[in-house]
């Protein structure tokens, strides 16, 4: 159960990724690197809030951390594929 609670963090990461996609489309091309900085800082803040907010209710902290790591891996792969396909269309 702790793994699933950690892995459910992917929902929050996907919402944040969609928000970043909208922001990156509206920014001028000169500020595209600011989206990457916002993504790095935002991911750090979100994982800190998720971890410290739910660590008291998990049974196994090791499995909880493994679930969060799995969510980050899946989200990183999906971001990479999405932005690669987005650049292919141009």
PDB file of N, CA and C in Angstrom:
ATOM      1  N   UNK A   1       0.813  -1.190   0.000  1.00  0.00           N
ATOM      2  CA  UNK A   1       0.000   0.000   0.000  1.00  0.00           C
ATOM      3  C   UNK A   1       0.860   1.259   0.000  1.00  0.00           C
ATOM      4  N   UNK A   2       1.992   1.206   0.659  1.00  0.00           N
ATOM      5  CA  UNK A   2       2.888   2.359   0.695  1.00  0.00           C
ATOM      6  C   UNK A   2       3.432   2.674  -0.693  1.00  0.00           C
ATOM      7  N   UNK A   3       3.713   1.618  -1.473  1.00  0.00           N
ATOM      8  CA  UNK A   3       4.200   1.838  -2.836  1.00  0.00           C
ATOM      9  C   UNK A   3       3.152   2.556  -3.679  1.00  0.00           C
ATOM     10  N   UNK A   4       1.897   2.129  -3.563  1.00  0.00           N
ATOM     11  CA  UNK A   4       0.830   2.761  -4.345  1.00  0.00           C
ATOM     12  C   UNK A   4       0.610   4.212  -3.942  1.00  0.00           C
ATOM     13  N   UNK A   5       0.757   4.500  -2.666  1.00  0.00           N
ATOM     14  CA  UNK A   5       0.624   5.878  -2.223  1.00  0.00           C
ATOM     15  C   UNK A   5       1.754   6.728  -2.776  1.00  0.00           C
ATOM     16  N   UNK A   6       2.951   6.196  -2.804  1.00  0.00           N
ATOM     17  CA  UNK A   6       4.073   6.915  -3.393  1.00  0.00           C
ATOM     18  C   UNK A   6       3.929   7.051  -4.899  1.00  0.00           C
ATOM     19  N   UNK A   7       3.450   5.993  -5.552  1.00  0.00           N
ATOM     20  CA  UNK A   7       3.301   6.023  -7.004  1.00  0.00           C
ATOM     21  C   UNK A   7       2.148   6.913  -7.442  1.00  0.00           C
ATOM     22  N   UNK A   8       1.173   7.125  -6.575  1.00  0.00           N
ATOM     23  CA  UNK A   8       0.060   8.005  -6.927  1.00  0.00           C
ATOM     24  C   UNK A   8       0.504   9.458  -7.069  1.00  0.00           C
ATOM     25  N   UNK A   9       1.719   9.744  -6.696  1.00  0.00           N
ATOM     26  CA  UNK A   9       2.301  11.073  -6.903  1.00  0.00           C
ATOM     27  C   UNK A   9       2.364  11.415  -8.385  1.00  0.00           C
ATOM     28  N   UNK A  10       2.276  10.401  -9.241  1.00  0.00           N
ATOM     29  CA  UNK A  10       2.350  10.646 -10.677  1.00  0.00           C
ATOM     30  C   UNK A  10       1.178  11.497 -11.154  1.00  0.00           C
ATOM     31  N   UNK A  11       0.045  11.420 -10.493  1.00  0.00           N
ATOM     32  CA  UNK A  11      -1.103  12.241 -10.888  1.00  0.00           C
ATOM     33  C   UNK A  11      -0.755  13.720 -10.741  1.00  0.00           C
ATOM     34  N   UNK A  12      -0.155  14.075  -9.635  1.00  0.00           N
ATOM     35  CA  UNK A  12       0.248  15.459  -9.408  1.00  0.00           C
ATOM     36  C   UNK A  12       1.339  15.883 -10.397  1.00  0.00           C
ATOM     37  N   UNK A  13       2.267  14.982 -10.694  1.00  0.00           N
ATOM     38  CA  UNK A  13       3.317  15.295 -11.657  1.00  0.00           C
ATOM     39  C   UNK A  13       2.759  15.485 -13.065  1.00  0.00           C
ATOM     40  N   UNK A  14       1.771  14.699 -13.435  1.00  0.00           N
ATOM     41  CA  UNK A  14       1.181  14.845 -14.766  1.00  0.00           C
ATOM     42  C   UNK A  14       0.417  16.157 -14.901  1.00  0.00           C
ATOM     43  N   UNK A  15      -0.279  16.556 -13.866  1.00  0.00           N
ATOM     44  CA  UNK A  15      -0.969  17.854 -13.890  1.00  0.00           C
ATOM     45  C   UNK A  15       0.045  18.980 -14.016  1.00  0.00           C
ATOM     46  N   UNK A  16       1.141  18.875 -13.294  1.00  0.00           N
ATOM     47  CA  UNK A  16       2.203  19.882 -13.373  1.00  0.00           C
ATOM     48  C   UNK A  16       2.841  19.900 -14.762  1.00  0.00           C
ATOM     49  N   UNK A  17       3.003  18.734 -15.382  1.00  0.00           N
ATOM     50  CA  UNK A  17       3.571  18.659 -16.725  1.00  0.00           C
ATOM     51  C   UNK A  17       2.645  19.320 -17.743  1.00  0.00           C
ATOM     52  N   UNK A  18       1.354  19.095 -17.624  1.00  0.00           N
ATOM     53  CA  UNK A  18       0.394  19.730 -18.527  1.00  0.00           C
ATOM     54  C   UNK A  18       0.437  21.238 -18.362  1.00  0.00           C
ATOM     55  N   UNK A  19       0.539  21.696 -17.129  1.00  0.00           N
ATOM     56  CA  UNK A  19       0.674  23.134 -16.875  1.00  0.00           C
ATOM     57  C   UNK A  19       1.941  23.685 -17.529  1.00  0.00           C
ATOM     58  N   UNK A  20       3.025  22.957 -17.441  1.00  0.00           N
ATOM     59  CA  UNK A  20       4.276  23.389 -18.072  1.00  0.00           C
ATOM     60  C   UNK A  20       4.178  23.422 -19.594  1.00  0.00           C
ATOM     61  N   UNK A  21       3.427  22.504 -20.160  1.00  0.00           N
ATOM     62  CA  UNK A  21       3.248  22.511 -21.613  1.00  0.00           C
ATOM     63  C   UNK A  21       2.512  23.762 -22.063  1.00  0.00           C
ATOM     64  N   UNK A  22       1.480  24.148 -21.335  1.00  0.00           N
ATOM     65  CA  UNK A  22       0.753  25.372 -21.676  1.00  0.00           C
ATOM     66  C   UNK A  22       1.635  26.601 -21.506  1.00  0.00           C
ATOM     67  N   UNK A  23       2.432  26.613 -20.455  1.00  0.00           N
ATOM     68  CA  UNK A  23       3.323  27.758 -20.228  1.00  0.00           C
ATOM     69  C   UNK A  23       4.383  27.836 -21.325  1.00  0.00           C
ATOM     70  N   UNK A  24       4.943  26.695 -21.717  1.00  0.00           N
ATOM     71  CA  UNK A  24       6.003  26.713 -22.733  1.00  0.00           C
ATOM     72  C   UNK A  24       5.487  27.161 -24.095  1.00  0.00           C
ATOM     73  N   UNK A  25       4.225  26.888 -24.391  1.00  0.00           N
ATOM     74  CA  UNK A  25       3.665  27.329 -25.670  1.00  0.00           C
ATOM     75  C   UNK A  25       3.418  28.830 -25.700  1.00  0.00           C
ATOM     76  N   UNK A  26       3.185  29.425 -24.548  1.00  0.00           N
ATOM     77  CA  UNK A  26       2.879  30.852 -24.489  1.00  0.00           C
ATOM     78  C   UNK A  26       4.128  31.727 -24.347  1.00  0.00           C
ATOM     79  N   UNK A  27       5.229  31.134 -23.943  1.00  0.00           N
ATOM     80  CA  UNK A  27       6.455  31.915 -23.770  1.00  0.00           C
ATOM     81  C   UNK A  27       7.148  32.145 -25.114  1.00  0.00           C
ATOM     82  N   UNK A  28       7.833  33.266 -25.249  1.00  0.00           N
ATOM     83  CA  UNK A  28       8.649  33.448 -26.458  1.00  0.00           C
ATOM     84  C   UNK A  28       9.812  32.446 -26.482  1.00  0.00           C
ATOM     85  N   UNK A  29      10.357  32.221 -27.641  1.00  0.00           N
ATOM     86  CA  UNK A  29      11.429  31.227 -27.798  1.00  0.00           C
ATOM     87  C   UNK A  29      12.688  31.582 -27.006  1.00  0.00           C
ATOM     88  N   UNK A  30      12.878  32.849 -26.679  1.00  0.00           N
ATOM     89  CA  UNK A  30      14.065  33.251 -25.924  1.00  0.00           C
ATOM     90  C   UNK A  30      14.011  32.778 -24.475  1.00  0.00           C
ATOM     91  N   UNK A  31      12.816  32.555 -23.952  1.00  0.00           N
ATOM     92  CA  UNK A  31      12.649  32.182 -22.549  1.00  0.00           C
ATOM     93  C   UNK A  31      12.300  30.711 -22.362  1.00  0.00           C
ATOM     94  N   UNK A  32      12.606  29.883 -23.337  1.00  0.00           N
ATOM     95  CA  UNK A  32      12.241  28.475 -23.246  1.00  0.00           C
ATOM     96  C   UNK A  32      13.017  27.754 -22.145  1.00  0.00           C
ATOM     97  N   UNK A  33      14.227  28.209 -21.838  1.00  0.00           N
ATOM     98  CA  UNK A  33      15.004  27.579 -20.766  1.00  0.00           C
ATOM     99  C   UNK A  33      14.432  27.885 -19.389  1.00  0.00           C
ATOM    100  N   UNK A  34      13.668  28.956 -19.271  1.00  0.00           N
ATOM    101  CA  UNK A  34      13.036  29.248 -17.981  1.00  0.00           C
ATOM    102  C   UNK A  34      11.992  28.193 -17.631  1.00  0.00           C
ATOM    103  N   UNK A  35      11.410  27.558 -18.638  1.00  0.00           N
ATOM    104  CA  UNK A  35      10.463  26.478 -18.389  1.00  0.00           C
ATOM    105  C   UNK A  35      11.164  25.288 -17.737  1.00  0.00           C
ATOM    106  N   UNK A  36      12.388  25.018 -18.159  1.00  0.00           N
ATOM    107  CA  UNK A  36      13.152  23.911 -17.577  1.00  0.00           C
ATOM    108  C   UNK A  36      13.503  24.210 -16.128  1.00  0.00           C
ATOM    109  N   UNK A  37      13.894  25.433 -15.854  1.00  0.00           N
ATOM    110  CA  UNK A  37      14.198  25.814 -14.474  1.00  0.00           C
ATOM    111  C   UNK A  37      12.946  25.743 -13.612  1.00  0.00           C
ATOM    112  N   UNK A  38      11.829  26.188 -14.138  1.00  0.00           N
ATOM    113  CA  UNK A  38      10.559  26.110 -13.405  1.00  0.00           C
ATOM    114  C   UNK A  38      10.172  24.657 -13.151  1.00  0.00           C
ATOM    115  N   UNK A  39      10.452  23.774 -14.107  1.00  0.00           N
ATOM    116  CA  UNK A  39      10.147  22.360 -13.955  1.00  0.00           C
ATOM    117  C   UNK A  39      10.997  21.730 -12.854  1.00  0.00           C
ATOM    118  N   UNK A  40      12.275  22.053 -12.820  1.00  0.00           N
ATOM    119  CA  UNK A  40      13.166  21.476 -11.809  1.00  0.00           C
ATOM    120  C   UNK A  40      12.769  21.936 -10.407  1.00  0.00           C
ATOM    121  N   UNK A  41      12.557  23.232 -10.264  1.00  0.00           N
ATOM    122  CA  UNK A  41      12.173  23.769  -8.953  1.00  0.00           C
ATOM    123  C   UNK A  41      10.793  23.269  -8.548  1.00  0.00           C
ATOM    124  N   UNK A  42       9.870  23.251  -9.496  1.00  0.00           N
ATOM    125  CA  UNK A  42       8.509  22.790  -9.196  1.00  0.00           C
ATOM    126  C   UNK A  42       8.467  21.337  -8.782  1.00  0.00           C
ATOM    127  N   UNK A  43       9.233  20.478  -9.461  1.00  0.00           N
ATOM    128  CA  UNK A  43       9.292  19.066  -9.083  1.00  0.00           C
ATOM    129  C   UNK A  43       9.843  18.899  -7.673  1.00  0.00           C
ATOM    130  N   UNK A  44      10.860  19.666  -7.347  1.00  0.00           N
ATOM    131  CA  UNK A  44      11.431  19.584  -6.001  1.00  0.00           C
ATOM    132  C   UNK A  44      10.454  20.010  -4.927  1.00  0.00           C
ATOM    133  N   UNK A  45       9.740  21.085  -5.182  1.00  0.00           N
ATOM    134  CA  UNK A  45       8.757  21.567  -4.204  1.00  0.00           C
ATOM    135  C   UNK A  45       7.610  20.576  -4.065  1.00  0.00           C
ATOM    136  N   UNK A  46       7.118  20.060  -5.186  1.00  0.00           N
ATOM    137  CA  UNK A  46       6.001  19.116  -5.134  1.00  0.00           C
ATOM    138  C   UNK A  46       6.366  17.824  -4.413  1.00  0.00           C
ATOM    139  N   UNK A  47       7.568  17.297  -4.685  1.00  0.00           N
ATOM    140  CA  UNK A  47       7.945  16.051  -4.016  1.00  0.00           C
ATOM    141  C   UNK A  47       8.180  16.274  -2.525  1.00  0.00           C
ATOM    142  N   UNK A  48       8.693  17.435  -2.152  1.00  0.00           N
ATOM    143  CA  UNK A  48       8.874  17.721  -0.723  1.00  0.00           C
ATOM    144  C   UNK A  48       7.532  17.803  -0.021  1.00  0.00           C
ATOM    145  N   UNK A  49       6.577  18.472  -0.637  1.00  0.00           N
ATOM    146  CA  UNK A  49       5.239  18.561  -0.041  1.00  0.00           C
ATOM    147  C   UNK A  49       4.570  17.196   0.043  1.00  0.00           C
ATOM    148  N   UNK A  50       4.702  16.399  -1.019  1.00  0.00           N
ATOM    149  CA  UNK A  50       4.091  15.073  -1.026  1.00  0.00           C
ATOM    150  C   UNK A  50       4.746  14.158   0.010  1.00  0.00           C
ATOM    151  N   UNK A  51       6.060  14.162   0.073  1.00  0.00           N
ATOM    152  CA  UNK A  51       6.772  13.265   0.982  1.00  0.00           C
ATOM    153  C   UNK A  51       6.499  13.621   2.438  1.00  0.00           C
ATOM    154  N   UNK A  52       6.726  14.873   2.787  1.00  0.00           N
ATOM    155  CA  UNK A  52       6.566  15.252   4.190  1.00  0.00           C
ATOM    156  C   UNK A  52       5.103  15.333   4.611  1.00  0.00           C
ATOM    157  N   UNK A  53       4.213  15.458   3.654  1.00  0.00           N
ATOM    158  CA  UNK A  53       2.792  15.487   3.987  1.00  0.00           C
ATOM    159  C   UNK A  53       2.189  14.121   4.201  1.00  0.00           C
ATOM    160  N   UNK A  54       2.750  13.094   3.585  1.00  0.00           N
ATOM    161  CA  UNK A  54       2.150  11.762   3.677  1.00  0.00           C
ATOM    162  C   UNK A  54       3.047  10.717   4.331  1.00  0.00           C
ATOM    163  N   UNK A  55       4.240  11.074   4.763  1.00  0.00           N
ATOM    164  CA  UNK A  55       5.148  10.079   5.329  1.00  0.00           C
ATOM    165  C   UNK A  55       4.627   9.541   6.671  1.00  0.00           C
ATOM    166  N   UNK A  56       3.793  10.293   7.363  1.00  0.00           N
ATOM    167  CA  UNK A  56       3.282   9.819   8.650  1.00  0.00           C
ATOM    168  C   UNK A  56       2.256   8.702   8.505  1.00  0.00           C
ATOM    169  N   UNK A  57       1.591   8.621   7.357  1.00  0.00           N
ATOM    170  CA  UNK A  57       0.513   7.639   7.218  1.00  0.00           C
ATOM    171  C   UNK A  57       0.943   6.370   6.478  1.00  0.00           C
ATOM    172  N   UNK A  58       2.198   6.291   6.033  1.00  0.00           N
ATOM    173  CA  UNK A  58       2.648   5.095   5.319  1.00  0.00           C
ATOM    174  C   UNK A  58       3.162   4.062   6.306  1.00  0.00           C
ATOM    175  N   UNK A  59       3.101   2.798   5.886  1.00  0.00           N
ATOM    176  CA  UNK A  59       3.575   1.715   6.735  1.00  0.00           C
ATOM    177  C   UNK A  59       5.066   1.461   6.536  1.00  0.00           C
ATOM    178  N   UNK A  60       5.514   1.525   5.295  1.00  0.00           N
ATOM    179  CA  UNK A  60       6.912   1.258   4.980  1.00  0.00           C
ATOM    180  C   UNK A  60       7.467   2.446   4.194  1.00  0.00           C
ATOM    181  N   UNK A  61       8.394   3.157   4.798  1.00  0.00           N
ATOM    182  CA  UNK A  61       8.958   4.350   4.158  1.00  0.00           C
ATOM    183  C   UNK A  61       9.785   3.962   2.941  1.00  0.00           C
ATOM    184  N   UNK A  62      10.454   2.809   2.992  1.00  0.00           N
ATOM    185  CA  UNK A  62      11.279   2.371   1.866  1.00  0.00           C
ATOM    186  C   UNK A  62      10.421   2.139   0.624  1.00  0.00           C
ATOM    187  N   UNK A  63       9.301   1.461   0.767  1.00  0.00           N
ATOM    188  CA  UNK A  63       8.411   1.227  -0.370  1.00  0.00           C
ATOM    189  C   UNK A  63       7.770   2.525  -0.845  1.00  0.00           C
ATOM    190  N   UNK A  64       7.492   3.418   0.078  1.00  0.00           N
ATOM    191  CA  UNK A  64       6.925   4.720  -0.272  1.00  0.00           C
ATOM    192  C   UNK A  64       7.901   5.513  -1.139  1.00  0.00           C
ATOM    193  N   UNK A  65       9.164   5.517  -0.743  1.00  0.00           N
ATOM    194  CA  UNK A  65      10.192   6.209  -1.539  1.00  0.00           C
ATOM    195  C   UNK A  65      10.364   5.547  -2.905  1.00  0.00           C
ATOM    196  N   UNK A  66      10.271   4.228  -2.948  1.00  0.00           N
ATOM    197  CA  UNK A  66      10.375   3.510  -4.212  1.00  0.00           C
ATOM    198  C   UNK A  66       9.218   3.874  -5.136  1.00  0.00           C
ATOM    199  N   UNK A  67       8.027   4.053  -4.581  1.00  0.00           N
ATOM    200  CA  UNK A  67       6.881   4.476  -5.381  1.00  0.00           C
ATOM    201  C   UNK A  67       7.063   5.872  -5.937  1.00  0.00           C
ATOM    202  N   UNK A  68       7.605   6.777  -5.146  1.00  0.00           N
ATOM    203  CA  UNK A  68       7.868   8.137  -5.621  1.00  0.00           C
ATOM    204  C   UNK A  68       8.919   8.104  -6.729  1.00  0.00           C
ATOM    205  N   UNK A  69       9.947   7.277  -6.550  1.00  0.00           N
ATOM    206  CA  UNK A  69      10.985   7.156  -7.579  1.00  0.00           C
ATOM    207  C   UNK A  69      10.409   6.586  -8.876  1.00  0.00           C
ATOM    208  N   UNK A  70       9.517   5.612  -8.768  1.00  0.00           N
ATOM    209  CA  UNK A  70       8.861   5.060  -9.952  1.00  0.00           C
ATOM    210  C   UNK A  70       8.003   6.089 -10.662  1.00  0.00           C
ATOM    211  N   UNK A  71       7.329   6.924  -9.888  1.00  0.00           N
ATOM    212  CA  UNK A  71       6.517   7.990 -10.487  1.00  0.00           C
ATOM    213  C   UNK A  71       7.398   8.978 -11.235  1.00  0.00           C
ATOM    214  N   UNK A  72       8.545   9.321 -10.654  1.00  0.00           N
ATOM    215  CA  UNK A  72       9.463  10.231 -11.335  1.00  0.00           C
ATOM    216  C   UNK A  72      10.015   9.605 -12.616  1.00  0.00           C
ATOM    217  N   UNK A  73      10.351   8.321 -12.584  1.00  0.00           N
ATOM    218  CA  UNK A  73      10.878   7.657 -13.780  1.00  0.00           C
ATOM    219  C   UNK A  73       9.849   7.639 -14.904  1.00  0.00           C
ATOM    220  N   UNK A  74       8.619   7.248 -14.593  1.00  0.00           N
ATOM    221  CA  UNK A  74       7.583   7.198 -15.604  1.00  0.00           C
ATOM    222  C   UNK A  74       7.270   8.590 -16.141  1.00  0.00           C
ATOM    223  N   UNK A  75       7.260   9.575 -15.274  1.00  0.00           N
ATOM    224  CA  UNK A  75       6.984  10.942 -15.702  1.00  0.00           C
ATOM    225  C   UNK A  75       8.128  11.482 -16.561  1.00  0.00           C
ATOM    226  N   UNK A  76       9.357  11.173 -16.218  1.00  0.00           N
ATOM    227  CA  UNK A  76      10.494  11.637 -17.020  1.00  0.00           C
ATOM    228  C   UNK A  76      10.454  11.016 -18.418  1.00  0.00           C
ATOM    229  N   UNK A  77      10.113   9.741 -18.503  1.00  0.00           N
ATOM    230  CA  UNK A  77      10.006   9.111 -19.816  1.00  0.00           C
ATOM    231  C   UNK A  77       8.878   9.729 -20.631  1.00  0.00           C
ATOM    232  N   UNK A  78       7.750   9.975 -20.005  1.00  0.00           N
ATOM    233  CA  UNK A  78       6.622  10.548 -20.752  1.00  0.00           C
ATOM    234  C   UNK A  78       6.920  11.978 -21.184  1.00  0.00           C
ATOM    235  N   UNK A  79       7.596  12.761 -20.338  1.00  0.00           N
ATOM    236  CA  UNK A  79       7.988  14.121 -20.730  1.00  0.00           C
ATOM    237  C   UNK A  79       8.949  14.081 -21.909  1.00  0.00           C
ATOM    238  N   UNK A  80       9.909  13.172 -21.871  1.00  0.00           N
ATOM    239  CA  UNK A  80      10.884  13.072 -22.951  1.00  0.00           C
ATOM    240  C   UNK A  80      10.225  12.711 -24.273  1.00  0.00           C
ATOM    241  N   UNK A  81       9.342  11.739 -24.239  1.00  0.00           N
ATOM    242  CA  UNK A  81       8.663  11.322 -25.456  1.00  0.00           C
ATOM    243  C   UNK A  81       7.759  12.443 -25.972  1.00  0.00           C
ATOM    244  N   UNK A  82       7.035  13.098 -25.085  1.00  0.00           N
ATOM    245  CA  UNK A  82       6.130  14.167 -25.502  1.00  0.00           C
ATOM    246  C   UNK A  82       6.896  15.312 -26.157  1.00  0.00           C
ATOM    247  N   UNK A  83       7.956  15.775 -25.505  1.00  0.00           N
ATOM    248  CA  UNK A  83       8.699  16.910 -26.065  1.00  0.00           C
ATOM    249  C   UNK A  83       9.465  16.503 -27.328  1.00  0.00           C
ATOM    250  N   UNK A  84       9.885  15.246 -27.434  1.00  0.00           N
ATOM    251  CA  UNK A  84      10.521  14.775 -28.656  1.00  0.00           C
ATOM    252  C   UNK A  84       9.529  14.783 -29.806  1.00  0.00           C
ATOM    253  N   UNK A  85       8.317  14.277 -29.575  1.00  0.00           N
ATOM    254  CA  UNK A  85       7.302  14.280 -30.623  1.00  0.00           C
ATOM    255  C   UNK A  85       6.824  15.682 -30.946  1.00  0.00           C
ATOM    256  N   UNK A  86       6.806  16.546 -29.958  1.00  0.00           N
ATOM    257  CA  UNK A  86       6.408  17.924 -30.194  1.00  0.00           C
ATOM    258  C   UNK A  86       7.418  18.626 -31.108  1.00  0.00           C
ATOM    259  N   UNK A  87       8.698  18.350 -30.921  1.00  0.00           N
ATOM    260  CA  UNK A  87       9.735  18.938 -31.770  1.00  0.00           C
ATOM    261  C   UNK A  87       9.746  18.317 -33.171  1.00  0.00           C
ATOM    262  N   UNK A  88       9.286  17.081 -33.294  1.00  0.00           N
ATOM    263  CA  UNK A  88       9.227  16.445 -34.604  1.00  0.00           C
ATOM    264  C   UNK A  88       8.186  17.116 -35.498  1.00  0.00           C
ATOM    265  N   UNK A  89       7.119  17.617 -34.912  1.00  0.00           N
ATOM    266  CA  UNK A  89       6.053  18.252 -35.686  1.00  0.00           C
ATOM    267  C   UNK A  89       6.504  19.571 -36.304  1.00  0.00           C
ATOM    268  N   UNK A  90       7.477  20.208 -35.703  1.00  0.00           N
ATOM    269  CA  UNK A  90       7.927  21.525 -36.181  1.00  0.00           C
ATOM    270  C   UNK A  90       8.739  21.424 -37.407  1.00  0.00           C
TER     271      UNK A  90
END
